[in-house]
C-alpha atoms as a PDB file:
ATOM      1  CA  MET A   1     -62.168  74.507   0.367  1.00  0.00           C
ATOM      2  CA  MET A   2     -63.773  70.978   2.639  1.00  0.00           C
ATOM      3  CA  LYS A   3     -65.661  69.853  -0.498  1.00  0.00           C
ATOM      4  CA  ASN A   4     -61.885  70.037  -2.399  1.00  0.00           C
ATOM      5  CA  ARG A   5     -60.625  67.931   0.378  1.00  0.00           C
ATOM      6  CA  PHE A   6     -63.166  65.208   0.886  1.00  0.00           C
ATOM      7  CA  TYR A   7     -62.453  64.742  -2.942  1.00  0.00           C
ATOM      8  CA  LEU A   8     -58.923  64.370  -2.197  1.00  0.00           C
ATOM      9  CA  TYR A   9     -59.498  62.005   0.289  1.00  0.00           C
ATOM     10  CA  GLY A  10     -61.667  59.942  -1.975  1.00  0.00           C
ATOM     11  CA  LEU A  11     -59.051  59.776  -4.410  1.00  0.00           C
ATOM     12  CA  ILE A  12     -56.517  58.667  -2.133  1.00  0.00           C
ATOM     13  CA  ILE A  13     -58.859  56.227  -0.722  1.00  0.00           C
ATOM     14  CA  VAL A  14     -59.769  54.770  -4.421  1.00  0.00           C
ATOM     15  CA  PHE A  15     -56.098  54.641  -5.888  1.00  0.00           C
ATOM     16  CA  SER A  16     -55.189  52.554  -2.717  1.00  0.00           C
ATOM     17  CA  ALA A  17     -57.456  49.945  -3.040  1.00  0.00           C
ATOM     18  CA  PHE A  18     -56.419  49.822  -6.469  1.00  0.00           C
ATOM     19  CA  LEU A  19     -53.049  49.431  -5.614  1.00  0.00           C
ATOM     20  CA  PHE A  20     -53.863  47.298  -2.881  1.00  0.00           C
ATOM     21  CA  LEU A  21     -56.261  44.854  -4.849  1.00  0.00           C
ATOM     22  CA  GLY A  22     -55.011  45.149  -8.258  1.00  0.00           C
ATOM     23  CA  CYS A  23     -51.531  44.113  -7.930  1.00  0.00           C
ATOM     24  CA  ASN A  24     -53.080  40.522  -6.879  1.00  0.00           C
ATOM     25  CA  SER A  25     -55.421  38.764  -9.580  1.00  0.00           C
ATOM     26  CA  GLU A  26     -57.566  37.127  -7.003  1.00  0.00           C
ATOM     27  CA  SER A  27     -57.844  38.208  -3.814  1.00  0.00           C
ATOM     28  CA  GLU A  28     -57.617  36.244  -0.737  1.00  0.00           C
ATOM     29  CA  SER A  29     -61.516  36.188  -0.022  1.00  0.00           C
ATOM     30  CA  GLN A  30     -61.397  35.132  -3.755  1.00  0.00           C
ATOM     31  CA  LYS A  31     -59.301  31.852  -3.286  1.00  0.00           C
ATOM     32  CA  LYS A  32     -60.738  30.764  -0.395  1.00  0.00           C
ATOM     33  CA  GLY A  33     -64.201  32.080  -0.760  1.00  0.00           C
ATOM     34  CA  PRO A  34     -66.938  33.322   2.235  1.00  0.00           C
ATOM     35  CA  THR A  35     -66.818  31.542   5.998  1.00  0.00           C
ATOM     36  CA  GLN A  36     -69.808  29.424   5.317  1.00  0.00           C
ATOM     37  CA  PRO A  37     -72.152  28.841   8.444  1.00  0.00           C
ATOM     38  CA  LEU A  38     -72.764  24.999   9.722  1.00  0.00           C
ATOM     39  CA  GLU A  39     -76.429  24.328   8.921  1.00  0.00           C
ATOM     40  CA  GLN A  40     -78.697  25.048  10.925  1.00  0.00           C
ATOM     41  CA  LEU A  41     -80.476  23.376  13.407  1.00  0.00           C
ATOM     42  CA  ASP A  42     -82.597  25.788  14.821  1.00  0.00           C
ATOM     43  CA  PRO A  43     -84.390  28.153  12.789  1.00  0.00           C
ATOM     44  CA  SER A  44     -85.216  30.374  15.865  1.00  0.00           C
ATOM     45  CA  SER A  45     -81.085  30.410  16.843  1.00  0.00           C
ATOM     46  CA  ALA A  46     -78.299  32.447  15.343  1.00  0.00           C
ATOM     47  CA  ILE A  47     -76.195  30.656  12.828  1.00  0.00           C
ATOM     48  CA  LEU A  48     -72.838  29.368  13.496  1.00  0.00           C
ATOM     49  CA  TYR A  49     -70.007  30.036  11.626  1.00  0.00           C
ATOM     50  CA  PRO A  50     -66.977  27.715  12.130  1.00  0.00           C
ATOM     51  CA  ALA A  51     -63.581  28.750  12.170  1.00  0.00           C
ATOM     52  CA  GLN A  52     -61.874  29.470   8.760  1.00  0.00           C
ATOM     53  CA  ARG A  53     -58.167  27.653   9.784  1.00  0.00           C
ATOM     54  CA  GLU A  54     -56.589  26.219  13.022  1.00  0.00           C
ATOM     55  CA  ALA A  55     -55.699  29.395  15.638  1.00  0.00           C
ATOM     56  CA  LYS A  56     -55.581  29.340  19.395  1.00  0.00           C
ATOM     57  CA  ALA A  57     -57.955  31.109  21.357  1.00  0.00           C
ATOM     58  CA  LYS A  58     -55.778  34.496  22.850  1.00  0.00           C
ATOM     59  CA  ASP A  59     -55.399  33.492  26.592  1.00  0.00           C
ATOM     60  CA  PHE A  60     -56.213  35.357  29.208  1.00  0.00           C
ATOM     61  CA  GLU A  61     -56.964  35.766  33.306  1.00  0.00           C
ATOM     62  CA  VAL A  62     -59.766  37.363  34.771  1.00  0.00           C
ATOM     63  CA  THR A  63     -61.477  37.354  38.191  1.00  0.00           C
ATOM     64  CA  THR A  64     -64.966  36.101  37.941  1.00  0.00           C
ATOM     65  CA  LEU A  65     -67.678  37.801  40.312  1.00  0.00           C
ATOM     66  CA  ASN A  66     -66.937  34.849  42.942  1.00  0.00           C
ATOM     67  CA  GLY A  67     -63.546  36.217  43.403  1.00  0.00           C
ATOM     68  CA  GLU A  68     -61.712  33.085  41.634  1.00  0.00           C
ATOM     69  CA  THR A  69     -59.267  33.418  38.926  1.00  0.00           C
ATOM     70  CA  PHE A  70     -60.104  31.507  35.407  1.00  0.00           C
ATOM     71  CA  THR A  71     -57.181  31.375  32.909  1.00  0.00           C
ATOM     72  CA  LEU A  72     -58.470  30.273  29.928  1.00  0.00           C
ATOM     73  CA  SER A  73     -55.573  28.469  29.129  1.00  0.00           C
ATOM     74  CA  ASP A  74     -56.477  26.086  32.484  1.00  0.00           C
ATOM     75  CA  TYR A  75     -59.347  24.646  30.501  1.00  0.00           C
ATOM     76  CA  GLU A  76     -57.406  23.395  27.668  1.00  0.00           C
ATOM     77  CA  GLY A  77     -58.027  19.654  27.336  1.00  0.00           C
ATOM     78  CA  GLN A  78     -62.114  20.819  27.375  1.00  0.00           C
ATOM     79  CA  VAL A  79     -64.658  22.640  25.719  1.00  0.00           C
ATOM     80  CA  VAL A  80     -65.398  25.907  26.702  1.00  0.00           C
ATOM     81  CA  LEU A  81     -67.781  28.537  25.485  1.00  0.00           C
ATOM     82  CA  LEU A  82     -67.369  32.077  25.720  1.00  0.00           C
ATOM     83  CA  ASN A  83     -70.042  34.250  26.008  1.00  0.00           C
ATOM     84  CA  ILE A  84     -70.167  37.868  26.198  1.00  0.00           C
ATOM     85  CA  TRP A  85     -73.530  39.769  26.894  1.00  0.00           C
ATOM     86  CA  ALA A  86     -74.848  42.297  28.916  1.00  0.00           C
ATOM     87  CA  THR A  87     -78.033  42.778  31.211  1.00  0.00           C
ATOM     88  CA  TRP A  88     -79.908  44.997  29.372  1.00  0.00           C
ATOM     89  CA  CYS A  89     -80.334  43.186  26.154  1.00  0.00           C
ATOM     90  CA  ALA A  90     -83.075  41.068  25.319  1.00  0.00           C
ATOM     91  CA  PRO A  91     -81.097  38.283  23.454  1.00  0.00           C
ATOM     92  CA  CYS A  92     -79.003  37.369  26.294  1.00  0.00           C
ATOM     93  CA  ARG A  93     -81.695  37.116  28.745  1.00  0.00           C
ATOM     94  CA  GLU A  94     -82.910  34.693  26.457  1.00  0.00           C
ATOM     95  CA  GLU A  95     -80.340  32.704  25.840  1.00  0.00           C
ATOM     96  CA  THR A  96     -79.015  32.563  29.041  1.00  0.00           C
ATOM     97  CA  PRO A  97     -81.774  29.573  30.363  1.00  0.00           C
ATOM     98  CA  ASP A  98     -80.350  27.025  27.475  1.00  0.00           C
ATOM     99  CA  LEU A  99     -76.738  27.747  28.321  1.00  0.00           C
ATOM    100  CA  GLN A 100     -77.418  27.045  32.340  1.00  0.00           C
ATOM    101  CA  GLU A 101     -79.094  23.654  31.204  1.00  0.00           C
ATOM    102  CA  LEU A 102     -76.190  23.068  28.944  1.00  0.00           C
ATOM    103  CA  TYR A 103     -73.817  24.242  31.547  1.00  0.00           C
ATOM    104  CA  GLU A 104     -75.472  21.908  33.843  1.00  0.00           C
ATOM    105  CA  LYS A 105     -75.701  18.835  31.913  1.00  0.00           C
ATOM    106  CA  TYR A 106     -72.138  18.323  30.775  1.00  0.00           C
ATOM    107  CA  LYS A 107     -69.918  20.309  33.279  1.00  0.00           C
ATOM    108  CA  ASP A 108     -68.747  17.039  34.382  1.00  0.00           C
ATOM    109  CA  ASN A 109     -68.052  15.891  30.979  1.00  0.00           C
ATOM    110  CA  GLY A 110     -65.201  18.506  30.132  1.00  0.00           C
ATOM    111  CA  PHE A 111     -67.735  21.477  29.076  1.00  0.00           C
ATOM    112  CA  MET A 112     -66.711  25.269  30.898  1.00  0.00           C
ATOM    113  CA  ILE A 113     -69.160  28.447  29.805  1.00  0.00           C
ATOM    114  CA  LEU A 114     -67.715  31.702  30.794  1.00  0.00           C
ATOM    115  CA  GLY A 115     -70.137  34.604  30.604  1.00  0.00           C
ATOM    116  CA  VAL A 116     -68.495  37.826  30.236  1.00  0.00           C
ATOM    117  CA  SER A 117     -70.490  40.728  31.084  1.00  0.00           C
ATOM    118  CA  ILE A 118     -69.690  44.274  29.373  1.00  0.00           C
ATOM    119  CA  ASP A 119     -72.162  46.183  31.790  1.00  0.00           C
ATOM    120  CA  GLU A 120     -70.927  48.838  32.458  1.00  0.00           C
ATOM    121  CA  GLN A 121     -72.918  49.273  35.779  1.00  0.00           C
ATOM    122  CA  GLY A 122     -71.026  46.505  36.641  1.00  0.00           C
ATOM    123  CA  GLU A 123     -71.665  43.955  40.211  1.00  0.00           C
ATOM    124  CA  SER A 124     -75.243  46.160  41.084  1.00  0.00           C
ATOM    125  CA  VAL A 125     -77.022  45.213  37.847  1.00  0.00           C
ATOM    126  CA  VAL A 126     -75.031  41.580  36.864  1.00  0.00           C
ATOM    127  CA  ARG A 127     -75.923  39.890  40.750  1.00  0.00           C
ATOM    128  CA  PRO A 128     -79.119  40.446  40.451  1.00  0.00           C
ATOM    129  CA  PHE A 129     -79.040  39.253  37.113  1.00  0.00           C
ATOM    130  CA  ILE A 130     -77.682  35.909  37.880  1.00  0.00           C
ATOM    131  CA  GLU A 131     -79.341  35.771  40.493  1.00  0.00           C
ATOM    132  CA  LYS A 132     -82.877  35.785  39.001  1.00  0.00           C
ATOM    133  CA  TYR A 133     -81.271  33.379  36.229  1.00  0.00           C
ATOM    134  CA  GLU A 134     -80.173  30.795  38.737  1.00  0.00           C
ATOM    135  CA  VAL A 135     -76.634  30.849  36.441  1.00  0.00           C
ATOM    136  CA  SER A 136     -73.716  29.028  37.948  1.00  0.00           C
ATOM    137  CA  TYR A 137     -71.216  28.299  35.635  1.00  0.00           C
ATOM    138  CA  PRO A 138     -68.501  31.423  35.662  1.00  0.00           C
ATOM    139  CA  ILE A 139     -69.150  35.120  35.436  1.00  0.00           C
ATOM    140  CA  VAL A 140     -66.736  37.450  34.888  1.00  0.00           C
ATOM    141  CA  ILE A 141     -67.393  41.422  34.199  1.00  0.00           C
ATOM    142  CA  ASP A 142     -64.884  42.437  31.773  1.00  0.00           C
ATOM    143  CA  ASP A 143     -62.450  45.228  32.294  1.00  0.00           C
ATOM    144  CA  GLY A 144     -61.455  45.454  28.723  1.00  0.00           C
ATOM    145  CA  THR A 145     -59.326  42.144  29.106  1.00  0.00           C
ATOM    146  CA  ILE A 146     -61.460  40.118  27.330  1.00  0.00           C
ATOM    147  CA  MET A 147     -62.972  42.340  24.706  1.00  0.00           C
ATOM    148  CA  ASP A 148     -59.641  43.504  24.235  1.00  0.00           C
ATOM    149  CA  LYS A 149     -58.313  40.646  22.821  1.00  0.00           C
ATOM    150  CA  TYR A 150     -61.839  39.290  21.484  1.00  0.00           C
ATOM    151  CA  GLY A 151     -63.737  42.294  20.529  1.00  0.00           C
ATOM    152  CA  PRO A 152     -64.994  44.258  19.454  1.00  0.00           C
ATOM    153  CA  THR A 153     -67.791  42.614  18.238  1.00  0.00           C
ATOM    154  CA  MET A 154     -70.593  42.975  16.071  1.00  0.00           C
ATOM    155  CA  GLY A 155     -73.259  43.013  18.845  1.00  0.00           C
ATOM    156  CA  ILE A 156     -74.679  40.715  21.600  1.00  0.00           C
ATOM    157  CA  PRO A 157     -74.572  38.053  22.881  1.00  0.00           C
ATOM    158  CA  THR A 158     -71.659  36.865  20.773  1.00  0.00           C
ATOM    159  CA  THR A 159     -70.340  33.490  21.585  1.00  0.00           C
ATOM    160  CA  TYR A 160     -67.136  32.153  20.777  1.00  0.00           C
ATOM    161  CA  ILE A 161     -66.414  28.224  21.463  1.00  0.00           C
ATOM    162  CA  ILE A 162     -63.240  26.454  21.804  1.00  0.00           C
ATOM    163  CA  ASN A 163     -62.271  23.218  21.449  1.00  0.00           C
ATOM    164  CA  LYS A 164     -60.062  20.977  24.007  1.00  0.00           C
ATOM    165  CA  LYS A 165     -56.686  21.595  22.358  1.00  0.00           C
ATOM    166  CA  GLY A 166     -58.086  25.442  22.643  1.00  0.00           C
ATOM    167  CA  ASN A 167     -58.452  26.484  19.284  1.00  0.00           C
ATOM    168  CA  LEU A 168     -61.122  28.538  18.273  1.00  0.00           C
ATOM    169  CA  GLN A 169     -63.735  25.773  16.786  1.00  0.00           C
ATOM    170  CA  TYR A 170     -67.124  28.269  15.934  1.00  0.00           C
ATOM    171  CA  PHE A 171     -68.625  31.884  16.233  1.00  0.00           C
ATOM    172  CA  ALA A 172     -72.303  33.119  16.656  1.00  0.00           C
ATOM    173  CA  VAL A 173     -73.597  36.606  17.089  1.00  0.00           C
ATOM    174  CA  GLY A 174     -77.070  36.327  18.595  1.00  0.00           C
ATOM    175  CA  ALA A 175     -78.872  34.222  20.736  1.00  0.00           C
ATOM    176  CA  LEU A 176     -77.730  30.373  20.944  1.00  0.00           C
ATOM    177  CA  THR A 177     -80.769  27.872  21.244  1.00  0.00           C
ATOM    178  CA  ASN A 178     -79.993  24.381  22.953  1.00  0.00           C
ATOM    179  CA  LYS A 179     -81.366  22.901  20.291  1.00  0.00           C
ATOM    180  CA  GLU A 180     -78.927  24.495  17.699  1.00  0.00           C
ATOM    181  CA  LEU A 181     -75.837  24.113  20.677  1.00  0.00           C
ATOM    182  CA  GLU A 182     -75.749  20.510  22.184  1.00  0.00           C
ATOM    183  CA  PRO A 183     -75.023  18.414  18.860  1.00  0.00           C
ATOM    184  CA  ARG A 184     -72.052  20.516  18.282  1.00  0.00           C
ATOM    185  CA  ILE A 185     -70.851  20.907  21.947  1.00  0.00           C
ATOM    186  CA  LYS A 186     -71.278  17.015  22.569  1.00  0.00           C
ATOM    187  CA  ASN A 187     -68.738  16.531  19.368  1.00  0.00           C
ATOM    188  CA  LEU A 188     -66.529  18.489  20.469  1.00  0.00           C
ATOM    189  CA  LEU A 189     -67.129  16.670  23.406  1.00  0.00           C
ATOM    190  CA  SER A 190     -66.461  13.009  22.008  1.00  0.00           C
ATOM    191  CA  GLU A 191     -63.160  13.907  19.690  1.00  0.00           C
END
């Protein structure tokens, strides 16, 4: 009986896929092609992917650990790096000093980073982390507000880079390095 049910579900899925894909001689992904990554500048960095089309970043309002309100749309006209991470994530720990260095170097030129912690333990683990790594860019512990708009992620760290027009420009899963990020950030700041 259970075997027949799986067989029936399988047939329904195959038939549905056939109907959906069969109505079109060419699927959307065949027309556009897969998103090609940017040329990698640092082989030890995660790969950056460009946005396939111009799309506004989804706006949100959150309260940072310092008690300040951070509204993404308030930063239109600046380049914003949205970094989703956790204290238990080794690649996140690896990239944090690079992000901090970039922030210090370009914050006065219209560059903002928002660190989005997904740690379930909250402040008890996040505050010691930001003290240890001397993080000065805004940090928020996500209550689902951001992940509802930018998740689910394929892994962490996940980074979104938003250009001055408020559009998503780049996306990466994995630890990014300064060597990979800095030329991209400088270019976006000069636009």
